Amino acid sequence: MNEILNNLIINEVLYTTARGTVYRFLGRDSNQGIRYSINQNTKILPLITIQTAFNDFSDGIEINSTWYRNFNSHEYETRDCNLGVLRSLLSRLNS
């Protein structure tokens, strides 16, 4: 996962919603998570969330809304858009 994160390029599309909204990579945040944009808004996906999802995914656990809510209900409720980005990042493991 570190290789994927380290090879992200500024303005790279991380995720596109079913309605066509594009989430673009803006850079790493101070805690080494990732910053991304949704239209004019900036969001952060924390590194601890990425690492935990990666570990669970590697153990065969499905990363979905139930997983996210159980992992961090506050983050799930305030930044539910992170789930799409997280799943998109995990899908790159199989590429």
C-alpha atoms as a PDB file:
ATOM      1  CA  MET A   1       0.000   0.000   0.000  1.00  0.00           C
ATOM      2  CA  ASN A   2       2.870   2.399   0.718  1.00  0.00           C
ATOM      3  CA  GLU A   3       4.042   2.030  -2.878  1.00  0.00           C
ATOM      4  CA  ILE A   4       0.588   2.983  -4.150  1.00  0.00           C
ATOM      5  CA  LEU A   5       0.407   6.012  -1.852  1.00  0.00           C
ATOM      6  CA  ASN A   6       3.931   7.130  -2.706  1.00  0.00           C
ATOM      7  CA  ASN A   7       3.234   6.936  -6.448  1.00  0.00           C
ATOM      8  CA  LEU A   8       0.096   9.078  -6.445  1.00  0.00           C
ATOM      9  CA  ILE A   9       0.369  12.133  -8.685  1.00  0.00           C
ATOM     10  CA  ILE A  10      -1.099  15.551  -7.882  1.00  0.00           C
ATOM     11  CA  ASN A  11      -4.521  15.957  -9.579  1.00  0.00           C
ATOM     12  CA  GLU A  12      -4.730  12.216 -10.274  1.00  0.00           C
ATOM     13  CA  VAL A  13      -8.301  10.943 -10.194  1.00  0.00           C
ATOM     14  CA  LEU A  14      -8.750   8.788  -7.112  1.00  0.00           C
ATOM     15  CA  TYR A  15     -12.426   8.051  -7.528  1.00  0.00           C
ATOM     16  CA  THR A  16     -15.410   9.048  -9.650  1.00  0.00           C
ATOM     17  CA  THR A  17     -18.918   8.769  -8.213  1.00  0.00           C
ATOM     18  CA  ALA A  18     -21.860   7.289 -10.088  1.00  0.00           C
ATOM     19  CA  ARG A  19     -23.003  10.877 -10.725  1.00  0.00           C
ATOM     20  CA  GLY A  20     -19.670  11.799 -12.261  1.00  0.00           C
ATOM     21  CA  THR A  21     -18.144  13.749  -9.368  1.00  0.00           C
ATOM     22  CA  VAL A  22     -14.374  13.414  -9.554  1.00  0.00           C
ATOM     23  CA  TYR A  23     -12.199  13.115  -6.439  1.00  0.00           C
ATOM     24  CA  ARG A  24      -8.648  14.286  -7.158  1.00  0.00           C
ATOM     25  CA  PHE A  25      -5.462  13.693  -5.176  1.00  0.00           C
ATOM     26  CA  LEU A  26      -4.040  16.917  -3.721  1.00  0.00           C
ATOM     27  CA  GLY A  27      -1.102  15.525  -1.741  1.00  0.00           C
ATOM     28  CA  ARG A  28      -0.185  13.921   1.549  1.00  0.00           C
ATOM     29  CA  ASP A  29      -1.298  15.514   4.788  1.00  0.00           C
ATOM     30  CA  SER A  30       0.931  16.118   7.811  1.00  0.00           C
ATOM     31  CA  ASN A  31       0.095  12.670   9.220  1.00  0.00           C
ATOM     32  CA  GLN A  32       0.892  11.018   5.854  1.00  0.00           C
ATOM     33  CA  GLY A  33      -2.742  10.367   5.014  1.00  0.00           C
ATOM     34  CA  ILE A  34      -4.001  11.753   1.739  1.00  0.00           C
ATOM     35  CA  ARG A  35      -5.721  15.025   0.904  1.00  0.00           C
ATOM     36  CA  TYR A  36      -8.161  15.044  -1.974  1.00  0.00           C
ATOM     37  CA  SER A  37     -10.672  17.398  -3.518  1.00  0.00           C
ATOM     38  CA  ILE A  38     -14.352  17.024  -4.193  1.00  0.00           C
ATOM     39  CA  ASN A  39     -15.260  19.996  -6.362  1.00  0.00           C
ATOM     40  CA  GLN A  40     -14.027  22.941  -4.254  1.00  0.00           C
ATOM     41  CA  ASN A  41     -13.869  21.032  -0.945  1.00  0.00           C
ATOM     42  CA  THR A  42     -10.808  19.363   0.555  1.00  0.00           C
ATOM     43  CA  LYS A  43     -11.081  16.077   2.447  1.00  0.00           C
ATOM     44  CA  ILE A  44      -8.523  13.952   4.294  1.00  0.00           C
ATOM     45  CA  LEU A  45      -8.301  10.182   4.439  1.00  0.00           C
ATOM     46  CA  PRO A  46      -6.139   9.397   7.501  1.00  0.00           C
ATOM     47  CA  LEU A  47      -3.211   7.017   7.185  1.00  0.00           C
ATOM     48  CA  ILE A  48      -4.472   4.904  10.107  1.00  0.00           C
ATOM     49  CA  THR A  49      -7.705   4.288   8.191  1.00  0.00           C
ATOM     50  CA  ILE A  50      -5.785   3.328   5.061  1.00  0.00           C
ATOM     51  CA  GLN A  51      -3.434   1.008   6.964  1.00  0.00           C
ATOM     52  CA  THR A  52      -6.214  -0.696   8.931  1.00  0.00           C
ATOM     53  CA  ALA A  53      -8.303  -1.187   5.790  1.00  0.00           C
ATOM     54  CA  PHE A  54      -5.279  -2.602   3.967  1.00  0.00           C
ATOM     55  CA  ASN A  55      -4.552  -5.062   6.788  1.00  0.00           C
ATOM     56  CA  ASP A  56      -8.184  -6.162   7.026  1.00  0.00           C
ATOM     57  CA  PHE A  57      -8.514  -6.389   3.234  1.00  0.00           C
ATOM     58  CA  SER A  58      -5.372  -8.548   3.151  1.00  0.00           C
ATOM     59  CA  ASP A  59      -7.030 -10.803   5.739  1.00  0.00           C
ATOM     60  CA  GLY A  60     -10.047 -11.249   3.458  1.00  0.00           C
ATOM     61  CA  ILE A  61     -12.368  -8.793   5.176  1.00  0.00           C
ATOM     62  CA  GLU A  62     -14.648  -6.806   2.880  1.00  0.00           C
ATOM     63  CA  ILE A  63     -14.132  -3.056   3.167  1.00  0.00           C
ATOM     64  CA  ASN A  64     -17.644  -1.642   3.021  1.00  0.00           C
ATOM     65  CA  SER A  65     -19.854   0.779   4.937  1.00  0.00           C
ATOM     66  CA  THR A  66     -20.350  -1.680   7.800  1.00  0.00           C
ATOM     67  CA  TRP A  67     -16.580  -2.094   8.159  1.00  0.00           C
ATOM     68  CA  TYR A  68     -16.073   1.686   8.070  1.00  0.00           C
ATOM     69  CA  ARG A  69     -18.823   2.380  10.610  1.00  0.00           C
ATOM     70  CA  ASN A  70     -17.369  -0.261  12.961  1.00  0.00           C
ATOM     71  CA  PHE A  71     -13.820   1.027  12.474  1.00  0.00           C
ATOM     72  CA  ASN A  72     -14.606   4.677  13.162  1.00  0.00           C
ATOM     73  CA  SER A  73     -18.245   5.741  13.361  1.00  0.00           C
ATOM     74  CA  HIS A  74     -17.393   9.453  13.649  1.00  0.00           C
ATOM     75  CA  GLU A  75     -15.222   9.371  10.552  1.00  0.00           C
ATOM     76  CA  TYR A  76     -17.888   7.343   8.727  1.00  0.00           C
ATOM     77  CA  GLU A  77     -20.578   9.890   9.580  1.00  0.00           C
ATOM     78  CA  THR A  78     -18.526  13.003   8.812  1.00  0.00           C
ATOM     79  CA  ARG A  79     -16.446  11.760   5.860  1.00  0.00           C
ATOM     80  CA  ASP A  80     -18.392   8.930   4.285  1.00  0.00           C
ATOM     81  CA  CYS A  81     -16.899   9.926   0.912  1.00  0.00           C
ATOM     82  CA  ASN A  82     -13.618   8.441   2.169  1.00  0.00           C
ATOM     83  CA  LEU A  83     -15.017   4.957   1.635  1.00  0.00           C
ATOM     84  CA  GLY A  84     -15.095   5.322  -2.149  1.00  0.00           C
ATOM     85  CA  VAL A  85     -11.518   6.608  -2.189  1.00  0.00           C
ATOM     86  CA  LEU A  86     -10.388   3.872   0.179  1.00  0.00           C
ATOM     87  CA  ARG A  87     -11.966   1.111  -1.899  1.00  0.00           C
ATOM     88  CA  SER A  88     -10.476   2.603  -5.060  1.00  0.00           C
ATOM     89  CA  LEU A  89      -7.015   2.583  -3.499  1.00  0.00           C
ATOM     90  CA  LEU A  90      -7.440  -1.028  -2.392  1.00  0.00           C
ATOM     91  CA  SER A  91      -8.518  -2.035  -5.892  1.00  0.00           C
ATOM     92  CA  ARG A  92      -5.106  -0.884  -7.141  1.00  0.00           C
ATOM     93  CA  LEU A  93      -3.515  -3.727  -5.176  1.00  0.00           C
ATOM     94  CA  ASN A  94      -4.861  -6.173  -7.735  1.00  0.00           C
ATOM     95  CA  SER A  95      -3.742  -4.124 -10.741  1.00  0.00           C
END
